[in-house]
N, C-alpha and C. Protein backbone atom coordinates (compact mmCIF):
# COMPACT_ATOMS: atom_id res chain seq x y z
N MET A 1 31.23 10.97 19.38
CA MET A 1 32.41 11.78 19.52
C MET A 1 32.67 12.51 18.21
N GLY A 2 33.17 13.70 18.31
CA GLY A 2 33.49 14.49 17.13
C GLY A 2 34.78 14.04 16.47
N ASP A 3 34.98 14.53 15.26
CA ASP A 3 36.18 14.16 14.50
C ASP A 3 37.47 14.55 15.22
N VAL A 4 37.47 15.68 15.90
CA VAL A 4 38.68 16.12 16.60
C VAL A 4 39.07 15.12 17.68
N LEU A 5 38.11 14.64 18.45
CA LEU A 5 38.42 13.67 19.50
C LEU A 5 38.78 12.32 18.91
N ARG A 6 38.09 11.91 17.85
CA ARG A 6 38.41 10.63 17.20
C ARG A 6 39.85 10.61 16.70
N GLN A 7 40.32 11.71 16.14
CA GLN A 7 41.69 11.79 15.64
C GLN A 7 42.70 11.62 16.77
N ARG A 8 42.29 11.88 17.99
CA ARG A 8 43.18 11.77 19.14
C ARG A 8 43.01 10.44 19.87
N GLY A 9 42.29 9.51 19.28
CA GLY A 9 42.16 8.18 19.85
C GLY A 9 41.03 8.04 20.85
N ILE A 10 40.18 9.04 20.98
CA ILE A 10 39.06 8.98 21.92
C ILE A 10 37.80 8.71 21.11
N THR A 11 37.23 7.51 21.28
CA THR A 11 36.08 7.13 20.46
C THR A 11 34.80 6.97 21.27
N GLU A 12 34.90 6.93 22.59
CA GLU A 12 33.72 6.76 23.43
C GLU A 12 33.78 7.72 24.61
N GLY A 13 32.63 8.07 25.13
CA GLY A 13 32.56 8.89 26.32
C GLY A 13 31.54 9.99 26.17
N LYS A 14 31.43 10.81 27.20
CA LYS A 14 30.53 11.96 27.19
C LYS A 14 31.37 13.21 27.38
N TYR A 15 31.04 14.27 26.63
CA TYR A 15 31.85 15.47 26.64
C TYR A 15 30.99 16.68 26.98
N GLY A 16 31.53 17.53 27.86
CA GLY A 16 30.85 18.78 28.18
C GLY A 16 31.75 19.66 29.00
N ALA A 17 31.68 20.96 28.78
CA ALA A 17 32.45 21.95 29.53
C ALA A 17 33.95 21.66 29.51
N GLY A 18 34.44 21.08 28.41
CA GLY A 18 35.87 20.83 28.28
C GLY A 18 36.35 19.55 28.95
N ILE A 19 35.45 18.82 29.59
CA ILE A 19 35.81 17.57 30.29
C ILE A 19 35.14 16.40 29.57
N LEU A 20 35.92 15.35 29.36
CA LEU A 20 35.40 14.13 28.76
C LEU A 20 35.29 13.07 29.85
N VAL A 21 34.14 12.44 29.97
CA VAL A 21 33.95 11.32 30.89
C VAL A 21 34.08 10.05 30.06
N LEU A 22 35.13 9.27 30.32
CA LEU A 22 35.39 8.04 29.57
C LEU A 22 34.52 6.90 30.09
N PRO A 23 34.38 5.83 29.32
CA PRO A 23 33.54 4.70 29.76
C PRO A 23 33.94 4.13 31.12
N ASP A 24 35.23 4.21 31.50
CA ASP A 24 35.66 3.71 32.82
C ASP A 24 35.38 4.71 33.93
N LYS A 25 34.72 5.84 33.61
CA LYS A 25 34.34 6.91 34.54
C LYS A 25 35.49 7.83 34.90
N SER A 26 36.66 7.69 34.26
CA SER A 26 37.74 8.65 34.48
C SER A 26 37.40 9.94 33.74
N LEU A 27 37.97 11.04 34.20
CA LEU A 27 37.75 12.35 33.60
C LEU A 27 39.01 12.77 32.85
N VAL A 28 38.86 13.39 31.69
CA VAL A 28 40.00 13.79 30.88
C VAL A 28 39.77 15.18 30.29
N HIS A 29 40.84 15.96 30.27
CA HIS A 29 40.84 17.20 29.51
C HIS A 29 42.17 17.27 28.78
N ARG A 30 42.12 17.52 27.48
CA ARG A 30 43.33 17.62 26.67
C ARG A 30 43.33 18.95 25.96
N GLY A 31 44.53 19.46 25.72
CA GLY A 31 44.60 20.74 25.04
C GLY A 31 45.89 20.93 24.28
N ASP A 32 45.83 21.77 23.28
CA ASP A 32 46.99 22.14 22.47
C ASP A 32 46.89 23.63 22.18
N TRP A 33 48.01 24.34 22.36
CA TRP A 33 48.01 25.77 22.09
C TRP A 33 49.43 26.26 21.87
N GLU A 34 49.69 26.86 20.72
CA GLU A 34 50.96 27.55 20.47
C GLU A 34 52.19 26.70 20.80
N GLY A 35 52.18 25.43 20.42
CA GLY A 35 53.32 24.57 20.66
C GLY A 35 53.33 23.86 22.01
N PHE A 36 52.32 24.09 22.83
CA PHE A 36 52.18 23.40 24.11
C PHE A 36 51.07 22.38 24.00
N HIS A 37 51.25 21.24 24.63
CA HIS A 37 50.29 20.14 24.60
C HIS A 37 50.09 19.67 26.04
N SER A 38 48.84 19.41 26.42
CA SER A 38 48.59 19.01 27.80
C SER A 38 47.49 17.96 27.90
N SER A 39 47.58 17.18 28.95
CA SER A 39 46.54 16.22 29.32
C SER A 39 46.35 16.30 30.83
N PHE A 40 45.11 16.27 31.23
CA PHE A 40 44.75 16.24 32.65
C PHE A 40 43.80 15.07 32.80
N LYS A 41 44.08 14.17 33.74
CA LYS A 41 43.23 13.00 33.90
C LYS A 41 42.98 12.74 35.38
N VAL A 42 41.74 12.39 35.70
CA VAL A 42 41.32 12.07 37.07
C VAL A 42 40.87 10.61 37.08
N SER A 43 41.34 9.85 38.07
CA SER A 43 41.02 8.43 38.16
C SER A 43 39.52 8.20 38.35
N PRO A 44 39.03 7.01 37.99
CA PRO A 44 37.60 6.72 38.14
C PRO A 44 37.09 6.89 39.57
N ASP A 45 37.93 6.62 40.58
CA ASP A 45 37.49 6.77 41.97
C ASP A 45 37.64 8.20 42.50
N ARG A 46 38.18 9.09 41.67
CA ARG A 46 38.36 10.53 41.96
C ARG A 46 39.39 10.80 43.07
N ASN A 47 40.23 9.82 43.36
CA ASN A 47 41.25 10.00 44.40
C ASN A 47 42.59 10.45 43.86
N THR A 48 42.83 10.32 42.56
CA THR A 48 44.12 10.66 41.97
C THR A 48 43.92 11.46 40.69
N ALA A 49 44.77 12.47 40.51
CA ALA A 49 44.75 13.25 39.28
C ALA A 49 46.18 13.51 38.83
N VAL A 50 46.38 13.51 37.53
CA VAL A 50 47.70 13.82 36.98
C VAL A 50 47.53 14.84 35.85
N SER A 51 48.58 15.63 35.66
CA SER A 51 48.62 16.59 34.57
C SER A 51 49.98 16.50 33.90
N VAL A 52 49.99 16.48 32.59
CA VAL A 52 51.22 16.43 31.82
C VAL A 52 51.19 17.58 30.82
N VAL A 53 52.25 18.37 30.80
CA VAL A 53 52.37 19.49 29.86
C VAL A 53 53.70 19.34 29.12
N CYS A 54 53.66 19.42 27.79
CA CYS A 54 54.85 19.28 26.96
C CYS A 54 54.97 20.47 26.02
N ASN A 55 56.18 20.78 25.63
CA ASN A 55 56.37 21.86 24.66
C ASN A 55 57.19 21.38 23.46
N VAL A 56 56.86 20.20 22.99
CA VAL A 56 57.45 19.65 21.77
C VAL A 56 56.33 19.35 20.79
N ASP A 57 56.68 19.21 19.52
CA ASP A 57 55.66 19.08 18.47
C ASP A 57 54.81 17.81 18.54
N ALA A 58 55.39 16.68 18.86
CA ALA A 58 54.63 15.44 18.79
C ALA A 58 54.74 14.62 20.08
N PRO A 59 54.34 15.17 21.20
CA PRO A 59 54.43 14.38 22.43
C PRO A 59 53.26 13.41 22.51
N ASP A 60 53.44 12.35 23.26
CA ASP A 60 52.32 11.46 23.56
C ASP A 60 51.91 11.75 25.00
N HIS A 61 51.45 12.97 25.23
CA HIS A 61 51.11 13.41 26.59
C HIS A 61 49.94 12.63 27.17
N PHE A 62 49.01 12.18 26.34
CA PHE A 62 47.88 11.41 26.85
C PHE A 62 48.35 10.05 27.38
N ARG A 63 49.24 9.41 26.65
CA ARG A 63 49.81 8.13 27.11
C ARG A 63 50.60 8.32 28.41
N ALA A 64 51.38 9.39 28.48
CA ALA A 64 52.15 9.68 29.70
C ALA A 64 51.22 9.89 30.89
N ALA A 65 50.12 10.60 30.69
CA ALA A 65 49.16 10.81 31.77
C ALA A 65 48.57 9.48 32.23
N ASN A 66 48.24 8.61 31.29
CA ASN A 66 47.70 7.29 31.64
C ASN A 66 48.72 6.47 32.42
N GLN A 67 49.98 6.51 31.99
CA GLN A 67 51.02 5.74 32.69
C GLN A 67 51.24 6.25 34.11
N LEU A 68 51.26 7.56 34.27
CA LEU A 68 51.41 8.13 35.61
C LEU A 68 50.22 7.78 36.50
N LEU A 69 49.04 7.82 35.95
CA LEU A 69 47.85 7.47 36.72
C LEU A 69 47.90 6.01 37.14
N ASP A 70 48.39 5.13 36.26
CA ASP A 70 48.53 3.72 36.61
C ASP A 70 49.49 3.53 37.79
N ILE A 71 50.56 4.32 37.83
CA ILE A 71 51.54 4.21 38.92
C ILE A 71 50.95 4.67 40.24
N TRP A 72 50.23 5.80 40.22
CA TRP A 72 49.78 6.42 41.47
C TRP A 72 48.40 6.03 41.93
N SER A 73 47.67 5.26 41.16
CA SER A 73 46.33 4.90 41.62
C SER A 73 46.20 3.42 41.87
């Protein structure tokens, strides 16, 4: 994993075309642009997906996406 992903707490997985495949086989895409922060995550079984978008400086949008996925999957 590159330094950018490591700084965001992602230390394992495969990355390509903007999508990260985590060791549990879930799919993740994260982004930051002009004060907006987002996370998109798909469950390992591919039946559930969540997206979180925030417009504050220090959101924990990745944690929120994980918590929502835990509720709905």
